[in-house]
Amino acid sequence: MLKDKVIVIAGVGKGMGRAMSLLYGQQGAKVVMVARKPDFIEPSLEQIKAAGGDGLAIVGNAADKQTMIDVAAQAVGAFGRIDGLCCVAGGFYKRMKGPDEIEDDFFEMVLRNHISSVFHGVRAVLPTMKQQGSGAILTIAAGYKTLRDGNIAYGTAKSGVVGLTKNLARELWPENIRVNCISPGIVRLPLENDTIDMPQQQLDRAGQPEDIAHAAAYFMSDASAWVTGQVLVIDGGDEVYAGKPHDQR
């Protein structure tokens, strides 16, 4: 499905970012992982290579402009092209303070981590994708319940990611570059396995990194060649108030 595609994943953590990396590797992609710490990306790269795949593990801040310029250069230098970019930097969800108490620095840091990381990542890969005449970009926002229950900085940032995604999709349409978004529900669990299998066939459960990884693979693949500007909510039905409240599962 993704054989020989070169995909940059910016902001890899222990959950959905790592799950994407491993699944892409399983499907034959060359995976360029970026994270502030090597804890998750270096072992993941070893697993990808052990399975016959290839990639790079680059330590750096995905919200930093120069870091992402360097990442794009390394990806092209190693593999000759960039077919996909996944912007998965996030965090800071927990609701600790109300809007009258939250610090200015925290608010700005959250916006930078969620929104600036997308902007700088896209700007870094655009020259290569434009030259190729194709590319796929994926952003990560949040489902409605996740936005509602998180702190105000998190909710603002994730809403901004959706707006940025749609504007980018329109702007980049003439370049044959697709831009889509996944809005997950609560996915608290870290990835437990080193191989990504199909998700559990059950709605009444907590979200798992695999749920997001398989959808992300679709958006990176040629199967979504006529899909752009879309937001896919993956939340087990929370957005339509199905089943039990998520915090009781």
Foldseek 3Di string as FASTA:
>chain_A
DLAAAEEEEEAADQFLNLLLLLVNLVVHYAYEYEHQDCPRVVVLQVLSVVNPHHYHYYHDQLLDQVSLLVSLVVSCVVRNAHAEYEYEFADQFAADDAPVPDDPVVLVVRLSRQPSSLVSNCVNRVVRLLVVLAHFYEHEAAAPVSLVRGYVSNNVNSVVVLVVQLVVQVVCVVSLYAGEYEHEYDAPDGDDDSHQDADDPDLPDHDGSSQVSVVVVCRSDCVCSPDHSYYHYHYSCVNVPPDDPPVVD
